[in-house]
């Protein structure tokens, strides 16, 4: 079976959605492009919403990572809230030369925690552990810096499930570190990071060694056995599908007097 087809058969515990959030023009799409194809486009094109899917085979098992690259202008608040609910892990991007974008990243973190806590019926956000990395992008603009790294570190000090990395998507600096930290926090295989697996074509089949065969492999051999590909022409799940997934996760349904199941709106 081709690698891209294995994504459909990945078990639920190996399927995750990554949501990229932040103000406009901070480099969200540039970070995604580096992650998926190690490319950088000098021309800026505003993102409405882009959806990508990467399929992996790691230690003989299929993994699927869906990536939602959101708009920095958030014209539809309900859609933004839905992205909070359906996301499993988050990257919040600001630019080191823009204090406004940094303040927006901090607001986004609070909104995500509030939304997740509300859906889970928690009175306190302190027990939440949502994998999240705050990224100070455009580190190549050091002379224009207005947000110090120490300020960000202080903001997230003592907060569970949150890390901070400064990067430059343009210069390809620390982008891999962003994902290594994120996957580490989320307790996902480190091989999901770009530098830790081979990039292959969607039609790649390769070896499907079983666990018994893999026991004798060295750590280096196991790492080199990991591979990943970007699924072509992938379509974002419909809003209805996302709502159903969200309702299933949060259990936000109730039974009416006639026995029918009613759903509460999660995005108001």
Protein backbone atom coordinates (compact mmCIF):
# COMPACT_ATOMS: atom_id res chain seq x y z
CA UNK A 1 0.00 0.00 0.00
CA UNK A 2 1.34 3.44 -0.95
CA UNK A 3 2.29 5.63 2.00
CA UNK A 4 -0.31 8.30 1.23
CA UNK A 5 -3.05 5.65 1.38
CA UNK A 6 -1.91 4.51 4.81
CA UNK A 7 -3.05 7.83 6.26
CA UNK A 8 -6.67 6.74 5.92
CA UNK A 9 -5.99 3.61 7.96
CA UNK A 10 -4.02 5.32 10.73
CA UNK A 11 -5.55 4.56 14.15
CA UNK A 12 -7.29 7.51 15.87
CA UNK A 13 -4.52 7.82 18.47
CA UNK A 14 -2.05 8.43 15.61
CA UNK A 15 -4.15 11.16 13.95
CA UNK A 16 -3.65 14.74 15.09
CA UNK A 17 -4.54 18.25 13.98
CA UNK A 18 -2.05 21.08 14.24
CA UNK A 19 -3.43 24.63 14.11
CA UNK A 20 -1.17 27.58 13.23
CA UNK A 21 -2.42 30.92 14.60
CA UNK A 22 -1.18 34.49 14.78
CA UNK A 23 -1.51 37.99 13.34
CA UNK A 24 -1.22 38.70 9.63
CA UNK A 25 2.27 38.93 8.11
CA UNK A 26 4.12 37.19 10.94
CA UNK A 27 5.22 34.21 8.83
CA UNK A 28 2.72 31.46 9.67
CA UNK A 29 2.53 30.17 6.10
CA UNK A 30 6.31 30.51 5.71
CA UNK A 31 6.83 28.22 8.71
CA UNK A 32 4.38 25.69 7.26
CA UNK A 33 6.19 25.82 3.90
CA UNK A 34 9.52 25.15 5.58
CA UNK A 35 8.00 22.24 7.47
CA UNK A 36 6.34 20.64 4.46
CA UNK A 37 8.82 21.34 1.65
CA UNK A 38 11.75 23.32 3.07
CA UNK A 39 10.82 26.24 0.81
CA UNK A 40 10.43 29.98 1.34
CA UNK A 41 8.43 32.34 -0.87
CA UNK A 42 9.56 35.97 -0.81
CA UNK A 43 6.17 37.13 -2.14
CA UNK A 44 3.50 37.69 0.50
CA UNK A 45 0.03 36.36 -0.25
CA UNK A 46 -2.61 36.75 2.50
CA UNK A 47 -3.91 33.41 3.75
CA UNK A 48 -7.65 32.87 4.05
CA UNK A 49 -7.25 29.32 5.30
CA UNK A 50 -5.03 26.51 4.03
CA UNK A 51 -5.28 22.85 4.93
CA UNK A 52 -2.44 20.35 4.54
CA UNK A 53 -1.91 16.72 5.46
CA UNK A 54 1.32 14.88 6.10
CA UNK A 55 1.45 11.10 6.29
CA UNK A 56 4.23 9.25 8.09
CA UNK A 57 5.35 5.71 8.63
CA UNK A 58 7.24 5.58 11.91
CA UNK A 59 8.47 2.37 13.51
CA UNK A 60 6.18 0.46 11.19
CA UNK A 61 3.02 2.40 12.15
CA UNK A 62 1.11 5.01 10.09
CA UNK A 63 0.63 8.53 11.46
CA UNK A 64 -1.42 11.42 10.08
CA UNK A 65 -0.86 15.08 10.83
CA UNK A 66 -3.44 17.57 9.55
CA UNK A 67 -2.26 21.18 9.47
CA UNK A 68 -4.65 24.12 9.51
CA UNK A 69 -2.93 27.37 8.48
CA UNK A 70 -5.36 30.09 9.57
CA UNK A 71 -5.95 33.67 8.48
CA UNK A 72 -4.31 36.40 10.53
CA UNK A 73 -7.33 38.64 10.02
CA UNK A 74 -9.84 36.16 11.55
CA UNK A 75 -12.90 37.52 9.65
CA UNK A 76 -15.11 34.72 11.03
CA UNK A 77 -14.90 34.46 14.85
CA UNK A 78 -16.99 31.27 14.90
CA UNK A 79 -14.52 29.56 12.54
CA UNK A 80 -11.63 30.61 14.75
CA UNK A 81 -13.36 29.16 17.80
CA UNK A 82 -13.97 25.93 15.88
CA UNK A 83 -10.25 25.74 15.12
CA UNK A 84 -9.57 26.00 18.87
CA UNK A 85 -11.95 23.14 19.60
CA UNK A 86 -10.76 20.78 16.87
CA UNK A 87 -7.04 21.45 17.28
CA UNK A 88 -4.90 18.97 19.20
CA UNK A 89 -1.70 21.01 19.18
CA UNK A 90 -0.97 24.64 18.39
CA UNK A 91 1.74 26.93 17.10
CA UNK A 92 1.20 30.61 17.95
CA UNK A 93 3.36 32.90 15.83
CA UNK A 94 4.36 36.52 16.35
CA UNK A 95 7.08 38.64 14.76
CA UNK A 96 9.90 39.90 16.98
CA UNK A 97 9.57 43.34 15.34
CA UNK A 98 5.87 43.69 16.23
CA UNK A 99 4.65 44.07 19.81
CA UNK A 100 1.05 43.99 18.63
CA UNK A 101 1.55 40.53 17.12
CA UNK A 102 3.15 39.32 20.37
CA UNK A 103 0.20 40.56 22.41
CA UNK A 104 -2.12 38.79 19.97
CA UNK A 105 -0.23 35.52 20.44
CA UNK A 106 -0.65 35.78 24.22
CA UNK A 107 -4.37 36.53 23.77
CA UNK A 108 -4.71 33.51 21.51
CA UNK A 109 -3.17 31.26 24.12
CA UNK A 110 -5.66 32.48 26.73
CA UNK A 111 -8.56 32.07 24.31
CA UNK A 112 -7.53 28.51 23.46
CA UNK A 113 -7.25 27.55 27.12
CA UNK A 114 -10.58 29.21 27.92
CA UNK A 115 -12.30 27.45 25.02
CA UNK A 116 -10.80 24.04 25.81
CA UNK A 117 -11.59 24.44 29.49
CA UNK A 118 -15.19 25.43 28.77
CA UNK A 119 -15.72 22.47 26.45
CA UNK A 120 -14.25 20.11 29.03
CA UNK A 121 -16.41 21.60 31.77
CA UNK A 122 -13.39 22.65 33.85
CA UNK A 123 -13.60 25.46 36.38
CA UNK A 124 -9.85 26.10 36.26
CA UNK A 125 -7.46 26.22 33.31
CA UNK A 126 -4.53 25.19 35.51
CA UNK A 127 -5.26 21.51 34.94
CA UNK A 128 -5.23 21.89 31.15
CA UNK A 129 -2.24 20.57 29.26
CA UNK A 130 -2.60 21.69 25.63
CA UNK A 131 0.58 21.18 23.54
CA UNK A 132 1.57 24.63 22.34
CA UNK A 133 4.67 26.45 21.10
CA UNK A 134 4.89 30.24 20.95
CA UNK A 135 7.17 31.19 18.05
CA UNK A 136 8.97 34.51 17.76
CA UNK A 137 9.50 34.54 14.00
CA UNK A 138 11.63 36.86 11.84
CA UNK A 139 14.63 36.45 14.13
CA UNK A 140 16.70 37.69 11.20
CA UNK A 141 15.34 41.19 11.96
CA UNK A 142 17.37 41.56 15.13
CA UNK A 143 18.01 45.27 14.56
CA UNK A 144 14.24 45.88 14.51
CA UNK A 145 13.42 43.77 17.57
CA UNK A 146 10.82 45.18 19.97
CA UNK A 147 10.00 41.96 21.87
CA UNK A 148 12.76 40.45 23.98
CA UNK A 149 12.96 36.70 24.41
CA UNK A 150 13.13 37.12 28.19
CA UNK A 151 9.71 38.78 28.14
CA UNK A 152 8.14 35.79 26.41
CA UNK A 153 9.86 33.33 28.73
CA UNK A 154 8.47 35.23 31.71
CA UNK A 155 4.95 35.15 30.23
CA UNK A 156 4.88 31.35 29.96
CA UNK A 157 6.92 30.54 33.06
CA UNK A 158 5.31 27.74 35.03
CA UNK A 159 2.66 27.07 32.37
CA UNK A 160 2.21 23.42 31.45
CA UNK A 161 2.41 22.25 27.85
CA UNK A 162 3.87 25.47 26.47
CA UNK A 163 7.31 26.16 24.99
CA UNK A 164 8.97 29.14 23.32
CA UNK A 165 11.27 29.21 20.28
CA UNK A 166 12.61 32.07 18.18
CA UNK A 167 12.97 31.29 14.48
CA UNK A 168 13.52 32.69 11.03
CA UNK A 169 11.50 30.95 8.34
CA UNK A 170 13.27 33.11 5.77
CA UNK A 171 16.75 31.96 6.82
CA UNK A 172 15.58 28.48 7.85
CA UNK A 173 16.78 28.99 11.42
CA UNK A 174 15.24 26.97 14.27
CA UNK A 175 12.15 25.95 12.29
CA UNK A 176 12.95 22.31 12.96
CA UNK A 177 13.35 23.13 16.65
CA UNK A 178 9.80 24.51 16.72
CA UNK A 179 8.39 21.15 15.67
CA UNK A 180 10.79 19.07 17.76
CA UNK A 181 9.64 20.95 20.87
CA UNK A 182 5.97 20.72 19.91
CA UNK A 183 6.05 16.97 19.25
CA UNK A 184 8.02 16.42 22.45
CA UNK A 185 5.39 18.27 24.49
CA UNK A 186 2.59 16.38 22.73
CA UNK A 187 4.38 13.06 23.38
CA UNK A 188 4.48 12.32 19.66
CA UNK A 189 7.38 10.61 17.86
CA UNK A 190 10.35 12.91 17.31
CA UNK A 191 10.59 11.42 13.81
CA UNK A 192 7.67 13.62 12.80
CA UNK A 193 10.08 16.57 12.71
CA UNK A 194 11.50 17.37 9.24
CA UNK A 195 15.11 16.48 10.03
CA UNK A 196 14.22 13.14 11.62
CA UNK A 197 12.66 11.31 8.67
CA UNK A 198 13.14 10.78 4.96
CA UNK A 199 10.95 12.77 2.58
CA UNK A 200 9.40 10.41 0.05
CA UNK A 201 6.83 10.55 -2.73
CA UNK A 202 3.13 9.87 -1.95
CA UNK A 203 3.34 6.65 -3.98
CA UNK A 204 6.25 5.32 -1.93
CA UNK A 205 5.74 1.80 -0.60
CA UNK A 206 9.09 0.81 0.93
CA UNK A 207 9.66 -1.58 3.78
CA UNK A 208 6.94 -2.53 6.24
CA UNK A 209 9.10 -4.41 8.73
CA UNK A 210 7.19 -5.91 11.62
CA UNK A 211 8.06 -5.44 15.28
CA UNK A 212 9.99 -8.70 15.45
CA UNK A 213 12.23 -7.64 12.57
CA UNK A 214 12.75 -4.20 14.09
CA UNK A 215 13.90 -5.48 17.49
CA UNK A 216 17.37 -6.15 16.15
CA UNK A 217 17.72 -2.74 14.51
CA UNK A 218 20.01 -0.08 15.92
CA UNK A 219 18.51 3.26 17.00
CA UNK A 220 20.10 4.90 13.95
CA UNK A 221 18.51 2.31 11.65
CA UNK A 222 15.09 2.74 13.24
CA UNK A 223 15.31 6.51 12.78
CA UNK A 224 16.35 6.17 9.13
CA UNK A 225 13.39 3.86 8.59
CA UNK A 226 10.94 6.71 9.34
CA UNK A 227 9.52 8.43 6.28
CA UNK A 228 6.91 11.05 5.48
CA UNK A 229 5.06 12.57 2.55
CA UNK A 230 2.67 15.43 1.90
CA UNK A 231 -0.72 14.23 0.70
CA UNK A 232 -1.63 15.84 -2.65
CA UNK A 233 -4.95 17.58 -3.30
CA UNK A 234 -6.19 17.09 0.24
CA UNK A 235 -9.49 18.74 1.16
CA UNK A 236 -10.32 20.28 4.49
CA UNK A 237 -13.06 18.37 6.34
CA UNK A 238 -16.42 20.13 6.16
CA UNK A 239 -17.59 22.36 8.99
CA UNK A 240 -20.29 19.78 9.73
CA UNK A 241 -17.65 17.06 10.08
CA UNK A 242 -15.55 19.27 12.35
CA UNK A 243 -18.59 20.01 14.52
CA UNK A 244 -19.40 16.31 14.82
CA UNK A 245 -15.81 15.56 15.79
CA UNK A 246 -15.88 18.36 18.36
CA UNK A 247 -19.17 17.15 19.83
CA UNK A 248 -17.83 13.61 20.08
CA UNK A 249 -14.69 14.81 21.85
CA UNK A 250 -16.47 17.05 24.33
CA UNK A 251 -19.62 15.01 24.82
CA UNK A 252 -21.72 18.12 24.30
CA UNK A 253 -24.92 16.27 23.44
CA UNK A 254 -28.11 15.65 25.37
CA UNK A 255 -31.19 13.49 24.94
CA UNK A 256 -34.54 15.18 24.29
CA UNK A 257 -37.83 13.98 25.83
CA UNK A 258 -38.65 11.96 22.70
CA UNK A 259 -35.32 10.12 22.90
CA UNK A 260 -33.58 12.00 20.10
CA UNK A 261 -30.05 13.25 20.65
CA UNK A 262 -29.65 17.02 20.52
CA UNK A 263 -26.37 18.83 20.02
CA UNK A 264 -25.34 22.03 21.73
CA UNK A 265 -23.62 24.61 19.60
CA UNK A 266 -19.93 24.71 20.45
CA UNK A 267 -18.83 27.76 18.51
CA UNK A 268 -21.08 30.51 19.79
